[in-house]
PDB file of N, CA and C in Angstrom:
ATOM      1  N   MET A   1       0.956  -1.620   0.130  1.00  0.00           N
ATOM      2  CA  MET A   1       0.019  -0.283  -0.213  1.00  0.00           C
ATOM      3  C   MET A   1       0.807   1.469   0.055  1.00  0.00           C
ATOM      4  N   PRO A   2       0.185   2.520  -0.488  1.00  0.00           N
ATOM      5  CA  PRO A   2       1.062   3.496  -1.020  1.00  0.00           C
ATOM      6  C   PRO A   2       1.174   4.081   0.366  1.00  0.00           C
ATOM      7  N   GLU A   3       2.750   4.898   0.779  1.00  0.00           N
ATOM      8  CA  GLU A   3       2.502   6.017   1.536  1.00  0.00           C
ATOM      9  C   GLU A   3       1.568   6.950   1.890  1.00  0.00           C
ATOM     10  N   LEU A   4       1.140   7.284   2.958  1.00  0.00           N
ATOM     11  CA  LEU A   4      -0.513   8.183   3.046  1.00  0.00           C
ATOM     12  C   LEU A   4       0.065   9.357   2.363  1.00  0.00           C
ATOM     13  N   ILE A   5       1.325   9.761   2.362  1.00  0.00           N
ATOM     14  CA  ILE A   5       1.539  11.511   1.614  1.00  0.00           C
ATOM     15  C   ILE A   5       1.138  10.856   0.198  1.00  0.00           C
ATOM     16  N   ASP A   6       1.524   9.620  -0.686  1.00  0.00           N
ATOM     17  CA  ASP A   6       1.316   8.982  -1.738  1.00  0.00           C
ATOM     18  C   ASP A   6      -0.228   9.097  -2.315  1.00  0.00           C
ATOM     19  N   ARG A   7      -1.120   8.711  -1.108  1.00  0.00           N
ATOM     20  CA  ARG A   7      -2.097   9.135  -1.652  1.00  0.00           C
ATOM     21  C   ARG A   7      -2.778  10.231  -1.645  1.00  0.00           C
ATOM     22  N   TYR A   8      -2.512  11.523  -1.462  1.00  0.00           N
ATOM     23  CA  TYR A   8      -3.604  12.565  -1.254  1.00  0.00           C
ATOM     24  C   TYR A   8      -3.024  12.950  -2.913  1.00  0.00           C
ATOM     25  N   THR A   9      -3.875  14.288  -2.962  1.00  0.00           N
ATOM     26  CA  THR A   9      -4.523  14.838  -4.636  1.00  0.00           C
ATOM     27  C   THR A   9      -3.922  15.830  -4.469  1.00  0.00           C
ATOM     28  N   TYR A  10      -2.612  16.031  -4.957  1.00  0.00           N
ATOM     29  CA  TYR A  10      -1.527  17.064  -5.834  1.00  0.00           C
ATOM     30  C   TYR A  10      -1.559  17.897  -7.120  1.00  0.00           C
ATOM     31  N   ARG A  11      -1.661  19.133  -7.185  1.00  0.00           N
ATOM     32  CA  ARG A  11      -1.692  19.946  -8.282  1.00  0.00           C
ATOM     33  C   ARG A  11      -0.662  20.728  -8.416  1.00  0.00           C
ATOM     34  N   VAL A  12      -0.249  20.824  -9.690  1.00  0.00           N
ATOM     35  CA  VAL A  12       1.015  21.986  -9.967  1.00  0.00           C
ATOM     36  C   VAL A  12       0.487  22.624 -10.947  1.00  0.00           C
ATOM     37  N   PHE A  13       0.368  24.144 -10.789  1.00  0.00           N
ATOM     38  CA  PHE A  13      -0.036  24.719 -12.403  1.00  0.00           C
ATOM     39  C   PHE A  13       1.132  26.145 -12.330  1.00  0.00           C
ATOM     40  N   TRP A  14       1.428  26.927 -13.315  1.00  0.00           N
ATOM     41  CA  TRP A  14       1.781  27.963 -13.280  1.00  0.00           C
ATOM     42  C   TRP A  14       1.132  29.298 -12.970  1.00  0.00           C
ATOM     43  N   SER A  15       1.683  29.821 -12.393  1.00  0.00           N
ATOM     44  CA  SER A  15       1.462  31.273 -11.663  1.00  0.00           C
ATOM     45  C   SER A  15       1.826  32.485 -12.144  1.00  0.00           C
ATOM     46  N   ASP A  16       1.252  32.820 -13.090  1.00  0.00           N
ATOM     47  CA  ASP A  16       1.666  34.837 -13.614  1.00  0.00           C
ATOM     48  C   ASP A  16       1.894  35.695 -12.490  1.00  0.00           C
ATOM     49  N   GLU A  17       0.915  35.190 -11.433  1.00  0.00           N
ATOM     50  CA  GLU A  17       1.100  36.656 -10.695  1.00  0.00           C
ATOM     51  C   GLU A  17       2.969  36.167  -9.677  1.00  0.00           C
ATOM     52  N   ASP A  18       2.950  35.168  -9.440  1.00  0.00           N
ATOM     53  CA  ASP A  18       4.135  34.681  -8.909  1.00  0.00           C
ATOM     54  C   ASP A  18       5.418  34.608  -9.790  1.00  0.00           C
ATOM     55  N   GLU A  19       4.939  34.046 -11.279  1.00  0.00           N
ATOM     56  CA  GLU A  19       6.082  33.860 -11.693  1.00  0.00           C
ATOM     57  C   GLU A  19       6.693  32.959 -11.782  1.00  0.00           C
ATOM     58  N   GLU A  20       5.934  31.533 -10.786  1.00  0.00           N
ATOM     59  CA  GLU A  20       6.699  30.336 -10.846  1.00  0.00           C
ATOM     60  C   GLU A  20       5.352  29.333 -10.842  1.00  0.00           C
ATOM     61  N   TYR A  21       5.966  28.041 -10.655  1.00  0.00           N
ATOM     62  CA  TYR A  21       5.359  27.180 -10.327  1.00  0.00           C
ATOM     63  C   TYR A  21       4.600  26.958  -8.874  1.00  0.00           C
ATOM     64  N   VAL A  22       3.371  26.470  -9.056  1.00  0.00           N
ATOM     65  CA  VAL A  22       2.720  26.521  -7.284  1.00  0.00           C
ATOM     66  C   VAL A  22       2.143  24.977  -7.482  1.00  0.00           C
ATOM     67  N   GLY A  23       2.981  24.513  -6.572  1.00  0.00           N
ATOM     68  CA  GLY A  23       2.428  22.988  -6.163  1.00  0.00           C
ATOM     69  C   GLY A  23       1.279  22.871  -4.924  1.00  0.00           C
ATOM     70  N   LEU A  24       0.090  22.354  -4.859  1.00  0.00           N
ATOM     71  CA  LEU A  24      -0.919  22.286  -3.800  1.00  0.00           C
ATOM     72  C   LEU A  24      -1.279  21.138  -3.526  1.00  0.00           C
ATOM     73  N   CYS A  25      -1.591  20.808  -2.597  1.00  0.00           N
ATOM     74  CA  CYS A  25      -2.516  19.524  -2.058  1.00  0.00           C
ATOM     75  C   CYS A  25      -3.721  19.325  -1.518  1.00  0.00           C
ATOM     76  N   ALA A  26      -4.678  19.110  -2.346  1.00  0.00           N
ATOM     77  CA  ALA A  26      -6.219  19.420  -1.943  1.00  0.00           C
ATOM     78  C   ALA A  26      -6.655  18.972  -0.436  1.00  0.00           C
ATOM     79  N   GLU A  27      -6.135  18.167   0.303  1.00  0.00           N
ATOM     80  CA  GLU A  27      -6.703  17.647   1.525  1.00  0.00           C
ATOM     81  C   GLU A  27      -5.777  18.785   2.433  1.00  0.00           C
ATOM     82  N   PHE A  28      -4.911  19.655   1.810  1.00  0.00           N
ATOM     83  CA  PHE A  28      -4.393  20.446   2.895  1.00  0.00           C
ATOM     84  C   PHE A  28      -4.226  21.865   2.470  1.00  0.00           C
ATOM     85  N   GLY A  29      -5.384  22.262   2.528  1.00  0.00           N
ATOM     86  CA  GLY A  29      -5.579  23.697   1.304  1.00  0.00           C
ATOM     87  C   GLY A  29      -4.980  24.935   1.995  1.00  0.00           C
ATOM     88  N   LEU A  30      -4.305  24.802   2.565  1.00  0.00           N
ATOM     89  CA  LEU A  30      -3.527  26.049   3.442  1.00  0.00           C
ATOM     90  C   LEU A  30      -1.860  26.243   3.411  1.00  0.00           C
ATOM     91  N   LEU A  31      -1.720  24.702   2.755  1.00  0.00           N
ATOM     92  CA  LEU A  31      -0.379  24.751   2.151  1.00  0.00           C
ATOM     93  C   LEU A  31       0.006  25.061   0.622  1.00  0.00           C
ATOM     94  N   SER A  32       1.112  25.501   0.267  1.00  0.00           N
ATOM     95  CA  SER A  32       1.558  25.494  -1.526  1.00  0.00           C
ATOM     96  C   SER A  32       3.112  25.826  -1.192  1.00  0.00           C
ATOM     97  N   HIS A  33       3.750  25.499  -2.246  1.00  0.00           N
ATOM     98  CA  HIS A  33       5.056  25.378  -2.804  1.00  0.00           C
ATOM     99  C   HIS A  33       5.483  26.203  -3.709  1.00  0.00           C
ATOM    100  N   LEU A  34       6.094  27.155  -3.718  1.00  0.00           N
ATOM    101  CA  LEU A  34       6.373  27.795  -5.008  1.00  0.00           C
ATOM    102  C   LEU A  34       7.986  27.493  -5.575  1.00  0.00           C
ATOM    103  N   ASP A  35       7.992  27.233  -6.991  1.00  0.00           N
ATOM    104  CA  ASP A  35       9.277  26.863  -7.370  1.00  0.00           C
ATOM    105  C   ASP A  35       9.434  27.369  -8.827  1.00  0.00           C
ATOM    106  N   ASN A  36      10.583  26.803  -9.277  1.00  0.00           N
ATOM    107  CA  ASN A  36      10.932  27.381 -10.928  1.00  0.00           C
ATOM    108  C   ASN A  36      10.428  26.334 -11.511  1.00  0.00           C
ATOM    109  N   THR A  37      10.358  25.009 -11.430  1.00  0.00           N
ATOM    110  CA  THR A  37      10.120  23.821 -12.712  1.00  0.00           C
ATOM    111  C   THR A  37       8.774  23.457 -11.825  1.00  0.00           C
ATOM    112  N   PRO A  38       7.843  22.574 -12.629  1.00  0.00           N
ATOM    113  CA  PRO A  38       6.796  21.949 -12.094  1.00  0.00           C
ATOM    114  C   PRO A  38       7.161  20.914 -11.249  1.00  0.00           C
ATOM    115  N   GLU A  39       8.066  20.445 -11.747  1.00  0.00           N
ATOM    116  CA  GLU A  39       8.731  19.006 -10.662  1.00  0.00           C
ATOM    117  C   GLU A  39       9.021  19.538  -9.642  1.00  0.00           C
ATOM    118  N   LYS A  40       9.703  20.466  -9.525  1.00  0.00           N
ATOM    119  CA  LYS A  40      10.085  21.321  -8.361  1.00  0.00           C
ATOM    120  C   LYS A  40       9.336  21.152  -6.959  1.00  0.00           C
ATOM    121  N   ALA A  41       8.172  21.735  -7.696  1.00  0.00           N
ATOM    122  CA  ALA A  41       7.201  22.289  -7.134  1.00  0.00           C
ATOM    123  C   ALA A  41       5.971  21.126  -6.512  1.00  0.00           C
ATOM    124  N   LEU A  42       6.122  20.046  -7.334  1.00  0.00           N
ATOM    125  CA  LEU A  42       5.805  18.827  -6.696  1.00  0.00           C
ATOM    126  C   LEU A  42       6.483  18.004  -5.782  1.00  0.00           C
ATOM    127  N   ILE A  43       7.270  18.293  -5.642  1.00  0.00           N
ATOM    128  CA  ILE A  43       8.074  18.012  -4.879  1.00  0.00           C
ATOM    129  C   ILE A  43       8.866  18.676  -3.430  1.00  0.00           C
ATOM    130  N   GLY A  44       8.428  19.643  -3.664  1.00  0.00           N
ATOM    131  CA  GLY A  44       8.414  21.179  -2.556  1.00  0.00           C
ATOM    132  C   GLY A  44       6.956  20.631  -1.900  1.00  0.00           C
ATOM    133  N   ILE A  45       6.133  20.372  -2.531  1.00  0.00           N
ATOM    134  CA  ILE A  45       4.329  20.202  -2.134  1.00  0.00           C
ATOM    135  C   ILE A  45       4.444  18.875  -1.270  1.00  0.00           C
ATOM    136  N   ARG A  46       5.117  18.130  -1.460  1.00  0.00           N
ATOM    137  CA  ARG A  46       4.979  16.772  -1.196  1.00  0.00           C
ATOM    138  C   ARG A  46       5.624  16.916   0.086  1.00  0.00           C
ATOM    139  N   GLU A  47       7.000  17.149   0.084  1.00  0.00           N
ATOM    140  CA  GLU A  47       7.629  17.621   1.506  1.00  0.00           C
ATOM    141  C   GLU A  47       6.936  18.383   2.289  1.00  0.00           C
ATOM    142  N   LEU A  48       5.978  19.617   1.996  1.00  0.00           N
ATOM    143  CA  LEU A  48       5.261  19.974   2.861  1.00  0.00           C
ATOM    144  C   LEU A  48       4.262  19.266   3.527  1.00  0.00           C
ATOM    145  N   VAL A  49       3.537  18.536   2.855  1.00  0.00           N
ATOM    146  CA  VAL A  49       2.754  17.479   3.412  1.00  0.00           C
ATOM    147  C   VAL A  49       3.247  16.429   3.962  1.00  0.00           C
ATOM    148  N   SER A  50       4.300  16.097   3.771  1.00  0.00           N
ATOM    149  CA  SER A  50       5.051  15.161   5.090  1.00  0.00           C
ATOM    150  C   SER A  50       5.230  15.760   6.240  1.00  0.00           C
ATOM    151  N   HIS A  51       6.041  16.761   5.969  1.00  0.00           N
ATOM    152  CA  HIS A  51       5.995  17.612   7.570  1.00  0.00           C
ATOM    153  C   HIS A  51       4.732  17.841   8.088  1.00  0.00           C
ATOM    154  N   ALA A  52       3.824  18.119   7.244  1.00  0.00           N
ATOM    155  CA  ALA A  52       2.315  18.864   8.234  1.00  0.00           C
ATOM    156  C   ALA A  52       1.755  17.154   9.130  1.00  0.00           C
ATOM    157  N   VAL A  53       2.003  16.108   8.233  1.00  0.00           N
ATOM    158  CA  VAL A  53       1.348  14.738   8.510  1.00  0.00           C
ATOM    159  C   VAL A  53       2.320  14.560   9.697  1.00  0.00           C
ATOM    160  N   GLN A  54       3.396  14.511   9.680  1.00  0.00           N
ATOM    161  CA  GLN A  54       4.343  14.268  10.682  1.00  0.00           C
ATOM    162  C   GLN A  54       4.014  15.015  12.187  1.00  0.00           C
ATOM    163  N   LEU A  55       4.177  16.483  11.832  1.00  0.00           N
ATOM    164  CA  LEU A  55       3.525  17.145  13.002  1.00  0.00           C
ATOM    165  C   LEU A  55       2.090  16.591  13.749  1.00  0.00           C
ATOM    166  N   ASN A  56       1.676  16.665  12.859  1.00  0.00           N
ATOM    167  CA  ASN A  56      -0.223  16.173  13.059  1.00  0.00           C
ATOM    168  C   ASN A  56       0.278  14.935  14.123  1.00  0.00           C
ATOM    169  N   LEU A  57       1.010  13.999  13.576  1.00  0.00           N
ATOM    170  CA  LEU A  57       0.699  12.499  14.283  1.00  0.00           C
ATOM    171  C   LEU A  57       1.623  12.571  15.568  1.00  0.00           C
ATOM    172  N   GLU A  58       2.415  13.450  15.921  1.00  0.00           N
ATOM    173  CA  GLU A  58       3.142  14.158  16.642  1.00  0.00           C
ATOM    174  C   GLU A  58       2.247  14.262  18.039  1.00  0.00           C
ATOM    175  N   GLU A  59       1.463  15.587  17.610  1.00  0.00           N
ATOM    176  CA  GLU A  59       0.765  16.078  18.644  1.00  0.00           C
ATOM    177  C   GLU A  59      -0.636  15.519  18.387  1.00  0.00           C
ATOM    178  N   GLY A  60      -0.827  14.389  17.786  1.00  0.00           N
ATOM    179  CA  GLY A  60      -2.756  13.630  18.081  1.00  0.00           C
ATOM    180  C   GLY A  60      -3.516  14.154  17.553  1.00  0.00           C
ATOM    181  N   ILE A  61      -3.058  15.250  16.401  1.00  0.00           N
ATOM    182  CA  ILE A  61      -4.024  15.585  15.765  1.00  0.00           C
ATOM    183  C   ILE A  61      -4.556  14.735  14.735  1.00  0.00           C
ATOM    184  N   LYS A  62      -5.437  14.599  13.931  1.00  0.00           N
ATOM    185  CA  LYS A  62      -6.210  13.568  13.062  1.00  0.00           C
ATOM    186  C   LYS A  62      -5.502  14.401  11.897  1.00  0.00           C
ATOM    187  N   VAL A  63      -5.036  13.562  10.878  1.00  0.00           N
ATOM    188  CA  VAL A  63      -4.677  14.245   9.946  1.00  0.00           C
ATOM    189  C   VAL A  63      -5.705  13.625   8.254  1.00  0.00           C
ATOM    190  N   PRO A  64      -6.236  14.630   7.586  1.00  0.00           N
ATOM    191  CA  PRO A  64      -7.378  14.685   6.658  1.00  0.00           C
ATOM    192  C   PRO A  64      -6.946  13.423   5.896  1.00  0.00           C
ATOM    193  N   GLU A  65      -8.281  12.808   5.507  1.00  0.00           N
ATOM    194  CA  GLU A  65      -8.152  11.336   4.863  1.00  0.00           C
ATOM    195  C   GLU A  65      -8.020  11.629   3.447  1.00  0.00           C
ATOM    196  N   PRO A  66      -7.255  11.158   2.434  1.00  0.00           N
ATOM    197  CA  PRO A  66      -6.993  11.220   1.198  1.00  0.00           C
ATOM    198  C   PRO A  66      -8.540  11.637   0.302  1.00  0.00           C
ATOM    199  N   LEU A  67      -8.783  11.952  -0.244  1.00  0.00           N
ATOM    200  CA  LEU A  67      -9.869  12.085  -1.179  1.00  0.00           C
ATOM    201  C   LEU A  67      -9.975  11.118  -2.475  1.00  0.00           C
ATOM    202  N   SER A  68      -8.935  10.167  -2.709  1.00  0.00           N
ATOM    203  CA  SER A  68      -9.350   9.245  -3.099  1.00  0.00           C
ATOM    204  C   SER A  68      -9.596   7.766  -2.104  1.00  0.00           C
ATOM    205  N   ALA A  69      -9.929   7.858  -0.954  1.00  0.00           N
ATOM    206  CA  ALA A  69     -10.083   7.135   0.075  1.00  0.00           C
ATOM    207  C   ALA A  69     -11.668   7.544   0.267  1.00  0.00           C
ATOM    208  N   ARG A  70     -12.313   8.362   0.237  1.00  0.00           N
ATOM    209  CA  ARG A  70     -13.273   8.982   0.709  1.00  0.00           C
ATOM    210  C   ARG A  70     -14.604   8.112  -0.352  1.00  0.00           C
ATOM    211  N   ARG A  71     -15.847   7.902   0.484  1.00  0.00           N
ATOM    212  CA  ARG A  71     -16.646   7.202  -0.104  1.00  0.00           C
ATOM    213  C   ARG A  71     -18.007   8.727  -0.655  1.00  0.00           C
ATOM    214  N   TYR A  72     -18.325   8.426  -1.725  1.00  0.00           N
ATOM    215  CA  TYR A  72     -19.388   9.542  -1.689  1.00  0.00           C
ATOM    216  C   TYR A  72     -20.769   9.113  -2.252  1.00  0.00           C
ATOM    217  N   SER A  73     -21.649   9.805  -1.513  1.00  0.00           N
ATOM    218  CA  SER A  73     -23.236   9.009  -1.810  1.00  0.00           C
ATOM    219  C   SER A  73     -23.620   9.542  -3.270  1.00  0.00           C
ATOM    220  N   GLY A  74     -23.233   9.972  -4.024  1.00  0.00           N
ATOM    221  CA  GLY A  74     -23.928  10.797  -5.062  1.00  0.00           C
ATOM    222  C   GLY A  74     -24.482  11.676  -5.219  1.00  0.00           C
ATOM    223  N   THR A  75     -25.090  12.258  -3.774  1.00  0.00           N
ATOM    224  CA  THR A  75     -26.335  12.972  -3.542  1.00  0.00           C
ATOM    225  C   THR A  75     -25.165  14.537  -3.382  1.00  0.00           C
ATOM    226  N   ILE A  76     -26.071  15.342  -3.527  1.00  0.00           N
ATOM    227  CA  ILE A  76     -25.342  16.731  -2.940  1.00  0.00           C
ATOM    228  C   ILE A  76     -26.588  17.556  -2.946  1.00  0.00           C
ATOM    229  N   THR A  77     -26.635  18.357  -2.352  1.00  0.00           N
ATOM    230  CA  THR A  77     -27.688  19.217  -1.817  1.00  0.00           C
ATOM    231  C   THR A  77     -27.495  20.671  -1.950  1.00  0.00           C
ATOM    232  N   LEU A  78     -27.839  21.932  -3.078  1.00  0.00           N
ATOM    233  CA  LEU A  78     -27.454  22.893  -3.454  1.00  0.00           C
ATOM    234  C   LEU A  78     -28.437  24.192  -2.796  1.00  0.00           C
ATOM    235  N   ARG A  79     -28.461  25.082  -2.111  1.00  0.00           N
ATOM    236  CA  ARG A  79     -28.674  26.490  -2.077  1.00  0.00           C
ATOM    237  C   ARG A  79     -28.407  27.443  -3.518  1.00  0.00           C
ATOM    238  N   VAL A  80     -29.282  27.830  -4.016  1.00  0.00           N
ATOM    239  CA  VAL A  80     -28.856  28.875  -5.213  1.00  0.00           C
ATOM    240  C   VAL A  80     -30.249  29.798  -4.948  1.00  0.00           C
ATOM    241  N   PRO A  81     -29.851  30.907  -5.486  1.00  0.00           N
ATOM    242  CA  PRO A  81     -30.956  31.746  -5.637  1.00  0.00           C
ATOM    243  C   PRO A  81     -31.707  31.602  -5.914  1.00  0.00           C
ATOM    244  N   PRO A  82     -33.308  32.025  -5.793  1.00  0.00           N
ATOM    245  CA  PRO A  82     -34.420  32.013  -6.435  1.00  0.00           C
ATOM    246  C   PRO A  82     -34.559  32.315  -7.778  1.00  0.00           C
ATOM    247  N   GLU A  83     -33.779  32.987  -8.370  1.00  0.00           N
ATOM    248  CA  GLU A  83     -33.775  33.347 -10.006  1.00  0.00           C
ATOM    249  C   GLU A  83     -33.273  31.949 -10.802  1.00  0.00           C
ATOM    250  N   THR A  84     -32.311  31.332 -10.131  1.00  0.00           N
ATOM    251  CA  THR A  84     -31.327  30.470 -10.886  1.00  0.00           C
ATOM    252  C   THR A  84     -32.140  29.357 -10.570  1.00  0.00           C
ATOM    253  N   HIS A  85     -32.715  28.828  -9.277  1.00  0.00           N
ATOM    254  CA  HIS A  85     -33.806  27.383  -9.620  1.00  0.00           C
ATOM    255  C   HIS A  85     -34.262  27.785 -10.841  1.00  0.00           C
ATOM    256  N   ARG A  86     -35.558  29.137 -10.551  1.00  0.00           N
ATOM    257  CA  ARG A  86     -36.309  29.366 -11.561  1.00  0.00           C
ATOM    258  C   ARG A  86     -35.931  28.974 -13.005  1.00  0.00           C
ATOM    259  N   ALA A  87     -34.832  29.658 -13.333  1.00  0.00           N
ATOM    260  CA  ALA A  87     -34.265  29.063 -14.618  1.00  0.00           C
ATOM    261  C   ALA A  87     -33.782  27.816 -15.071  1.00  0.00           C
ATOM    262  N   LEU A  88     -33.262  27.343 -14.081  1.00  0.00           N
ATOM    263  CA  LEU A  88     -33.205  25.931 -14.480  1.00  0.00           C
ATOM    264  C   LEU A  88     -34.260  24.686 -14.486  1.00  0.00           C
ATOM    265  N   ALA A  89     -35.578  25.542 -13.544  1.00  0.00           N
ATOM    266  CA  ALA A  89     -36.634  24.633 -13.955  1.00  0.00           C
ATOM    267  C   ALA A  89     -37.059  25.070 -15.656  1.00  0.00           C
ATOM    268  N   MET A  90     -37.271  26.131 -15.528  1.00  0.00           N
ATOM    269  CA  MET A  90     -37.336  26.620 -17.212  1.00  0.00           C
ATOM    270  C   MET A  90     -36.460  25.857 -18.276  1.00  0.00           C
ATOM    271  N   ASP A  91     -35.189  25.550 -17.958  1.00  0.00           N
ATOM    272  CA  ASP A  91     -34.538  24.963 -18.934  1.00  0.00           C
ATOM    273  C   ASP A  91     -34.692  23.560 -18.934  1.00  0.00           C
ATOM    274  N   ALA A  92     -35.468  22.797 -17.434  1.00  0.00           N
ATOM    275  CA  ALA A  92     -35.416  21.526 -17.682  1.00  0.00           C
ATOM    276  C   ALA A  92     -36.997  21.346 -18.344  1.00  0.00           C
ATOM    277  N   ALA A  93     -37.437  21.975 -18.165  1.00  0.00           N
ATOM    278  CA  ALA A  93     -38.909  21.794 -18.724  1.00  0.00           C
ATOM    279  C   ALA A  93     -38.551  21.860 -20.322  1.00  0.00           C
ATOM    280  N   GLU A  94     -38.349  22.663 -20.808  1.00  0.00           N
ATOM    281  CA  GLU A  94     -38.084  22.870 -22.212  1.00  0.00           C
ATOM    282  C   GLU A  94     -37.466  22.136 -22.959  1.00  0.00           C
ATOM    283  N   ALA A  95     -36.347  21.319 -22.037  1.00  0.00           N
ATOM    284  CA  ALA A  95     -35.474  20.444 -22.729  1.00  0.00           C
ATOM    285  C   ALA A  95     -36.374  18.607 -21.965  1.00  0.00           C
ATOM    286  N   GLY A  96     -37.837  18.899 -21.639  1.00  0.00           N
ATOM    287  CA  GLY A  96     -37.891  17.542 -21.494  1.00  0.00           C
ATOM    288  C   GLY A  96     -37.266  16.837 -20.114  1.00  0.00           C
ATOM    289  N   VAL A  97     -36.472  17.125 -19.446  1.00  0.00           N
ATOM    290  CA  VAL A  97     -35.552  16.526 -18.627  1.00  0.00           C
ATOM    291  C   VAL A  97     -36.189  17.219 -17.155  1.00  0.00           C
ATOM    292  N   SER A  98     -35.661  16.261 -16.180  1.00  0.00           N
ATOM    293  CA  SER A  98     -35.815  16.775 -15.203  1.00  0.00           C
ATOM    294  C   SER A  98     -34.777  17.861 -14.257  1.00  0.00           C
ATOM    295  N   MET A  99     -34.979  18.657 -13.481  1.00  0.00           N
ATOM    296  CA  MET A  99     -34.161  19.725 -13.105  1.00  0.00           C
ATOM    297  C   MET A  99     -32.986  18.862 -12.775  1.00  0.00           C
ATOM    298  N   ASN A 100     -32.716  18.015 -11.766  1.00  0.00           N
ATOM    299  CA  ASN A 100     -31.849  17.126 -11.283  1.00  0.00           C
ATOM    300  C   ASN A 100     -31.019  16.252 -12.408  1.00  0.00           C
ATOM    301  N   ARG A 101     -31.540  15.535 -13.286  1.00  0.00           N
ATOM    302  CA  ARG A 101     -30.588  15.459 -14.486  1.00  0.00           C
ATOM    303  C   ARG A 101     -29.983  16.466 -15.278  1.00  0.00           C
ATOM    304  N   LEU A 102     -30.780  17.550 -15.624  1.00  0.00           N
ATOM    305  CA  LEU A 102     -30.026  18.981 -16.218  1.00  0.00           C
ATOM    306  C   LEU A 102     -29.101  19.572 -15.744  1.00  0.00           C
ATOM    307  N   ALA A 103     -29.442  19.877 -14.205  1.00  0.00           N
ATOM    308  CA  ALA A 103     -28.231  20.170 -13.109  1.00  0.00           C
ATOM    309  C   ALA A 103     -27.285  19.203 -13.234  1.00  0.00           C
ATOM    310  N   ALA A 104     -27.497  17.751 -13.393  1.00  0.00           N
ATOM    311  CA  ALA A 104     -25.927  16.975 -12.976  1.00  0.00           C
ATOM    312  C   ALA A 104     -25.219  16.977 -14.285  1.00  0.00           C
ATOM    313  N   GLU A 105     -25.994  16.793 -15.777  1.00  0.00           N
ATOM    314  CA  GLU A 105     -25.532  17.119 -16.909  1.00  0.00           C
ATOM    315  C   GLU A 105     -24.447  18.034 -16.890  1.00  0.00           C
ATOM    316  N   ARG A 106     -25.172  19.633 -16.448  1.00  0.00           N
ATOM    317  CA  ARG A 106     -23.934  20.618 -16.620  1.00  0.00           C
ATOM    318  C   ARG A 106     -22.565  20.656 -15.673  1.00  0.00           C
ATOM    319  N   LEU A 107     -22.926  20.219 -14.095  1.00  0.00           N
ATOM    320  CA  LEU A 107     -21.963  19.734 -13.460  1.00  0.00           C
ATOM    321  C   LEU A 107     -21.129  18.877 -14.323  1.00  0.00           C
ATOM    322  N   ALA A 108     -21.611  17.871 -15.031  1.00  0.00           N
ATOM    323  CA  ALA A 108     -20.477  16.983 -15.849  1.00  0.00           C
ATOM    324  C   ALA A 108     -19.722  17.575 -16.897  1.00  0.00           C
ATOM    325  N   LEU A 109     -20.425  19.019 -17.592  1.00  0.00           N
ATOM    326  CA  LEU A 109     -19.366  19.468 -18.328  1.00  0.00           C
ATOM    327  C   LEU A 109     -18.510  20.384 -17.798  1.00  0.00           C
ATOM    328  N   ARG A 110     -18.557  20.675 -16.494  1.00  0.00           N
ATOM    329  CA  ARG A 110     -17.434  21.183 -16.098  1.00  0.00           C
ATOM    330  C   ARG A 110     -15.801  20.477 -15.703  1.00  0.00           C
ATOM    331  N   HIS A 111     -16.291  19.501 -15.611  1.00  0.00           N
ATOM    332  CA  HIS A 111     -15.558  18.272 -15.474  1.00  0.00           C
ATOM    333  C   HIS A 111     -14.257  17.969 -16.250  1.00  0.00           C
TER     334      HIS A 111
END
């Protein structure tokens, strides 16, 4: 089984503002690492996460569960402005589908 830090979700992207690559970990949203190559940014954020996990464990603080290990029910509840709800209901009626199906299809398009 992979080490815990290997199971976390990492992302690296270029930042025009910082003029460097940024390494992030979804499960540790407050941590980031800047570096001049994507490879170094990934190595840096992994080292930060490893250190954070070690500190948390030493202090008896629960570490985040990796997103990959979490179970998802497939059900979400959203609160939207009434105008958005009305527009979705109208779009769904015009398309001949349920609001749930239309919302799920629109969310899938963003993935």
